[in-house]
Amino acid sequence: MPDLTVNSRLSIPAGELHWRFSRASGPGGQGVNTTDSRVELLFDIETSSSIGPTRKQRLIDRLGSRVVAGSIRVVVSEERSQYQNRQLALARMADLIREGLKPPSKTRKPTKPSRSAKKRRLDSKKQRGVLKKKRQDKPTVDD
């Protein structure tokens, strides 16, 4: 089994990845009932030695709903061959871990509109009101 390369600085050894195989439903002809083409890939975050404690905590925080009992699970049964499903599972696991390890985005610092922006906004509102007022004026008999 190959190691899982997440990015240039992080590679998860194959020994930390746990595989399960089962029969997949769906197309496959006669072989569908005999081959275990459904792939389940498990990565236990808590017992991993390749990820530091801060990265572990970040993964658990960012992937909260995906983490069950300290593990991330990816299930693939799209292809008919087990090999292709394994490749897809590895790619999805790498994407998931990469996404979970991204640093949190900077919080937005609330700002107030400038004085000139307020003036422009009020001027445009007044101009719009004048335009609507002109439309309401009915011509009189004297005109």
C-alpha atoms as a PDB file:
ATOM      1  CA  MET A   1       0.000   0.000   0.000  1.00  0.00           C
ATOM      2  CA  PRO A   2       1.358   3.449  -0.873  1.00  0.00           C
ATOM      3  CA  ASP A   3       1.818   6.256   1.620  1.00  0.00           C
ATOM      4  CA  LEU A   4      -0.767   9.043   1.514  1.00  0.00           C
ATOM      5  CA  THR A   5       0.856  12.294   0.362  1.00  0.00           C
ATOM      6  CA  VAL A   6      -1.243  15.184   1.653  1.00  0.00           C
ATOM      7  CA  ASN A   7       1.112  18.010   0.652  1.00  0.00           C
ATOM      8  CA  SER A   8       4.845  18.613   0.242  1.00  0.00           C
ATOM      9  CA  ARG A   9       5.419  18.632   4.019  1.00  0.00           C
ATOM     10  CA  LEU A  10       3.015  15.913   5.159  1.00  0.00           C
ATOM     11  CA  SER A  11       2.915  12.277   4.188  1.00  0.00           C
ATOM     12  CA  ILE A  12       0.917   9.706   6.151  1.00  0.00           C
ATOM     13  CA  PRO A  13       2.509   6.245   6.289  1.00  0.00           C
ATOM     14  CA  ALA A  14       0.489   3.370   4.865  1.00  0.00           C
ATOM     15  CA  GLY A  15       0.590   1.662   8.273  1.00  0.00           C
ATOM     16  CA  GLU A  16      -1.659   4.369   9.743  1.00  0.00           C
ATOM     17  CA  LEU A  17      -4.345   3.819   7.100  1.00  0.00           C
ATOM     18  CA  HIS A  18      -6.874   1.045   7.643  1.00  0.00           C
ATOM     19  CA  TRP A  19      -8.706  -0.505   4.710  1.00  0.00           C
ATOM     20  CA  ARG A  20     -11.993  -2.413   4.634  1.00  0.00           C
ATOM     21  CA  PHE A  21     -13.532  -4.038   1.605  1.00  0.00           C
ATOM     22  CA  SER A  22     -17.059  -5.223   0.958  1.00  0.00           C
ATOM     23  CA  ARG A  23     -19.374  -5.980  -1.912  1.00  0.00           C
ATOM     24  CA  ALA A  24     -20.714  -2.937  -3.647  1.00  0.00           C
ATOM     25  CA  SER A  25     -24.207  -2.642  -5.007  1.00  0.00           C
ATOM     26  CA  GLY A  26     -24.848  -1.382  -8.501  1.00  0.00           C
ATOM     27  CA  PRO A  27     -23.532  -2.319 -11.944  1.00  0.00           C
ATOM     28  CA  GLY A  28     -20.966  -5.049 -12.394  1.00  0.00           C
ATOM     29  CA  GLY A  29     -22.618  -7.932 -14.164  1.00  0.00           C
ATOM     30  CA  GLN A  30     -21.873 -11.420 -12.888  1.00  0.00           C
ATOM     31  CA  GLY A  31     -18.865 -10.247 -10.901  1.00  0.00           C
ATOM     32  CA  VAL A  32     -20.865  -7.924  -8.656  1.00  0.00           C
ATOM     33  CA  ASN A  33     -21.708 -10.702  -6.213  1.00  0.00           C
ATOM     34  CA  THR A  34     -18.192 -12.115  -5.983  1.00  0.00           C
ATOM     35  CA  THR A  35     -15.785  -9.153  -5.854  1.00  0.00           C
ATOM     36  CA  ASP A  36     -15.276  -6.857  -2.904  1.00  0.00           C
ATOM     37  CA  SER A  37     -15.051  -3.616  -4.870  1.00  0.00           C
ATOM     38  CA  ARG A  38     -16.461  -1.232  -2.227  1.00  0.00           C
ATOM     39  CA  VAL A  39     -13.598   0.444  -0.376  1.00  0.00           C
ATOM     40  CA  GLU A  40     -13.627   2.032   3.059  1.00  0.00           C
ATOM     41  CA  LEU A  41     -10.534   3.967   4.165  1.00  0.00           C
ATOM     42  CA  LEU A  42     -10.077   4.882   7.825  1.00  0.00           C
ATOM     43  CA  PHE A  43      -7.485   7.228   9.300  1.00  0.00           C
ATOM     44  CA  ASP A  44      -7.252   7.431  13.082  1.00  0.00           C
ATOM     45  CA  ILE A  45      -6.235  11.004  13.892  1.00  0.00           C
ATOM     46  CA  GLU A  46      -5.716  10.485  17.614  1.00  0.00           C
ATOM     47  CA  THR A  47      -3.229   7.596  17.339  1.00  0.00           C
ATOM     48  CA  SER A  48      -1.340   9.036  14.351  1.00  0.00           C
ATOM     49  CA  SER A  49       2.361   9.710  14.889  1.00  0.00           C
ATOM     50  CA  SER A  50       2.822  11.604  11.608  1.00  0.00           C
ATOM     51  CA  ILE A  51       0.682  14.577  12.693  1.00  0.00           C
ATOM     52  CA  GLY A  52       1.600  16.899  15.552  1.00  0.00           C
ATOM     53  CA  PRO A  53      -0.796  17.728  18.415  1.00  0.00           C
ATOM     54  CA  THR A  54      -1.742  21.176  17.087  1.00  0.00           C
ATOM     55  CA  ARG A  55      -2.520  19.772  13.634  1.00  0.00           C
ATOM     56  CA  LYS A  56      -4.526  16.954  15.217  1.00  0.00           C
ATOM     57  CA  GLN A  57      -6.613  19.450  17.156  1.00  0.00           C
ATOM     58  CA  ARG A  58      -7.121  21.594  14.059  1.00  0.00           C
ATOM     59  CA  LEU A  59      -8.254  18.536  12.071  1.00  0.00           C
ATOM     60  CA  ILE A  60     -10.716  17.518  14.775  1.00  0.00           C
ATOM     61  CA  ASP A  61     -12.065  21.077  15.033  1.00  0.00           C
ATOM     62  CA  ARG A  62     -12.365  21.725  11.297  1.00  0.00           C
ATOM     63  CA  LEU A  63     -13.739  18.295  10.353  1.00  0.00           C
ATOM     64  CA  GLY A  64     -15.983  17.994  13.404  1.00  0.00           C
ATOM     65  CA  SER A  65     -18.921  16.230  11.769  1.00  0.00           C
ATOM     66  CA  ARG A  66     -16.678  13.928   9.711  1.00  0.00           C
ATOM     67  CA  VAL A  67     -14.653  12.714  12.707  1.00  0.00           C
ATOM     68  CA  VAL A  68     -16.195   9.700  14.449  1.00  0.00           C
ATOM     69  CA  ALA A  69     -14.394   8.225  17.465  1.00  0.00           C
ATOM     70  CA  GLY A  70     -11.220  10.089  16.490  1.00  0.00           C
ATOM     71  CA  SER A  71     -11.179   8.707  12.934  1.00  0.00           C
ATOM     72  CA  ILE A  72     -11.948  10.037   9.464  1.00  0.00           C
ATOM     73  CA  ARG A  73     -13.730   7.623   7.137  1.00  0.00           C
ATOM     74  CA  VAL A  74     -14.006   7.742   3.345  1.00  0.00           C
ATOM     75  CA  VAL A  75     -16.190   5.251   1.456  1.00  0.00           C
ATOM     76  CA  VAL A  76     -15.961   4.770  -2.318  1.00  0.00           C
ATOM     77  CA  SER A  77     -17.965   2.352  -4.449  1.00  0.00           C
ATOM     78  CA  GLU A  78     -18.247   4.235  -7.735  1.00  0.00           C
ATOM     79  CA  GLU A  79     -16.008   2.121  -9.952  1.00  0.00           C
ATOM     80  CA  ARG A  80     -16.267  -1.565 -10.719  1.00  0.00           C
ATOM     81  CA  SER A  81     -12.666  -2.326  -9.814  1.00  0.00           C
ATOM     82  CA  GLN A  82     -11.340  -2.284  -6.289  1.00  0.00           C
ATOM     83  CA  TYR A  83      -8.053  -0.737  -7.447  1.00  0.00           C
ATOM     84  CA  GLN A  84      -9.783   2.321  -8.942  1.00  0.00           C
ATOM     85  CA  ASN A  85     -11.918   2.728  -5.824  1.00  0.00           C
ATOM     86  CA  ARG A  86      -8.772   2.580  -3.682  1.00  0.00           C
ATOM     87  CA  GLN A  87      -7.147   5.325  -5.738  1.00  0.00           C
ATOM     88  CA  LEU A  88     -10.261   7.488  -5.408  1.00  0.00           C
ATOM     89  CA  ALA A  89     -10.397   6.878  -1.655  1.00  0.00           C
ATOM     90  CA  LEU A  90      -6.747   7.920  -1.248  1.00  0.00           C
ATOM     91  CA  ALA A  91      -7.332  11.095  -3.260  1.00  0.00           C
ATOM     92  CA  ARG A  92     -10.455  12.010  -1.288  1.00  0.00           C
ATOM     93  CA  MET A  93      -8.761  11.352   2.046  1.00  0.00           C
ATOM     94  CA  ALA A  94      -5.839  13.585   1.029  1.00  0.00           C
ATOM     95  CA  ASP A  95      -8.270  16.347  -0.030  1.00  0.00           C
ATOM     96  CA  LEU A  96     -10.179  16.020   3.232  1.00  0.00           C
ATOM     97  CA  ILE A  97      -7.047  16.212   5.391  1.00  0.00           C
ATOM     98  CA  ARG A  98      -5.663  19.095   3.285  1.00  0.00           C
ATOM     99  CA  GLU A  99      -8.919  21.001   3.762  1.00  0.00           C
ATOM    100  CA  GLY A 100      -8.941  20.285   7.495  1.00  0.00           C
ATOM    101  CA  LEU A 101      -5.374  21.490   7.988  1.00  0.00           C
ATOM    102  CA  LYS A 102      -5.909  24.877   6.364  1.00  0.00           C
ATOM    103  CA  PRO A 103      -5.361  27.659   8.869  1.00  0.00           C
ATOM    104  CA  PRO A 104      -8.515  29.439   9.993  1.00  0.00           C
ATOM    105  CA  SER A 105      -9.382  32.468   7.911  1.00  0.00           C
ATOM    106  CA  LYS A 106      -8.806  35.891   9.398  1.00  0.00           C
ATOM    107  CA  THR A 107     -11.801  37.310  11.186  1.00  0.00           C
ATOM    108  CA  ARG A 108     -13.308  40.358   9.550  1.00  0.00           C
ATOM    109  CA  LYS A 109     -12.572  43.577  11.375  1.00  0.00           C
ATOM    110  CA  PRO A 110     -15.791  45.593  11.444  1.00  0.00           C
ATOM    111  CA  THR A 111     -15.437  49.028   9.856  1.00  0.00           C
ATOM    112  CA  LYS A 112     -17.637  52.103   9.714  1.00  0.00           C
ATOM    113  CA  PRO A 113     -18.491  53.971   6.518  1.00  0.00           C
ATOM    114  CA  SER A 114     -16.537  57.191   6.006  1.00  0.00           C
ATOM    115  CA  ARG A 115     -18.160  60.602   6.301  1.00  0.00           C
ATOM    116  CA  SER A 116     -18.012  61.128   2.528  1.00  0.00           C
ATOM    117  CA  ALA A 117     -19.600  57.701   1.901  1.00  0.00           C
ATOM    118  CA  LYS A 118     -22.475  58.614   4.233  1.00  0.00           C
ATOM    119  CA  LYS A 119     -22.884  61.965   2.450  1.00  0.00           C
ATOM    120  CA  ARG A 120     -22.921  60.298  -0.996  1.00  0.00           C
ATOM    121  CA  ARG A 121     -25.532  57.801   0.182  1.00  0.00           C
ATOM    122  CA  LEU A 122     -27.811  60.513   1.608  1.00  0.00           C
ATOM    123  CA  ASP A 123     -27.359  62.713  -1.474  1.00  0.00           C
ATOM    124  CA  SER A 124     -28.378  59.870  -3.789  1.00  0.00           C
ATOM    125  CA  LYS A 125     -31.411  59.147  -1.594  1.00  0.00           C
ATOM    126  CA  LYS A 126     -32.434  62.832  -1.733  1.00  0.00           C
ATOM    127  CA  GLN A 127     -31.938  62.926  -5.502  1.00  0.00           C
ATOM    128  CA  ARG A 128     -34.114  59.839  -5.896  1.00  0.00           C
ATOM    129  CA  GLY A 129     -36.795  61.398  -3.686  1.00  0.00           C
ATOM    130  CA  VAL A 130     -36.771  64.617  -5.760  1.00  0.00           C
ATOM    131  CA  LEU A 131     -37.162  62.559  -8.954  1.00  0.00           C
ATOM    132  CA  LYS A 132     -40.155  60.705  -7.501  1.00  0.00           C
ATOM    133  CA  LYS A 133     -41.654  63.972  -6.256  1.00  0.00           C
ATOM    134  CA  LYS A 134     -41.432  65.432  -9.774  1.00  0.00           C
ATOM    135  CA  ARG A 135     -43.375  62.465 -11.126  1.00  0.00           C
ATOM    136  CA  GLN A 136     -46.199  63.092  -8.624  1.00  0.00           C
ATOM    137  CA  ASP A 137     -46.724  66.714  -9.539  1.00  0.00           C
ATOM    138  CA  LYS A 138     -49.855  66.961 -11.688  1.00  0.00           C
ATOM    139  CA  PRO A 139     -50.137  69.814 -14.189  1.00  0.00           C
ATOM    140  CA  THR A 140     -52.712  72.372 -13.104  1.00  0.00           C
ATOM    141  CA  VAL A 141     -55.386  74.105 -15.265  1.00  0.00           C
ATOM    142  CA  ASP A 142     -53.342  77.338 -15.246  1.00  0.00           C
ATOM    143  CA  ASP A 143     -50.405  75.674 -17.133  1.00  0.00           C
END
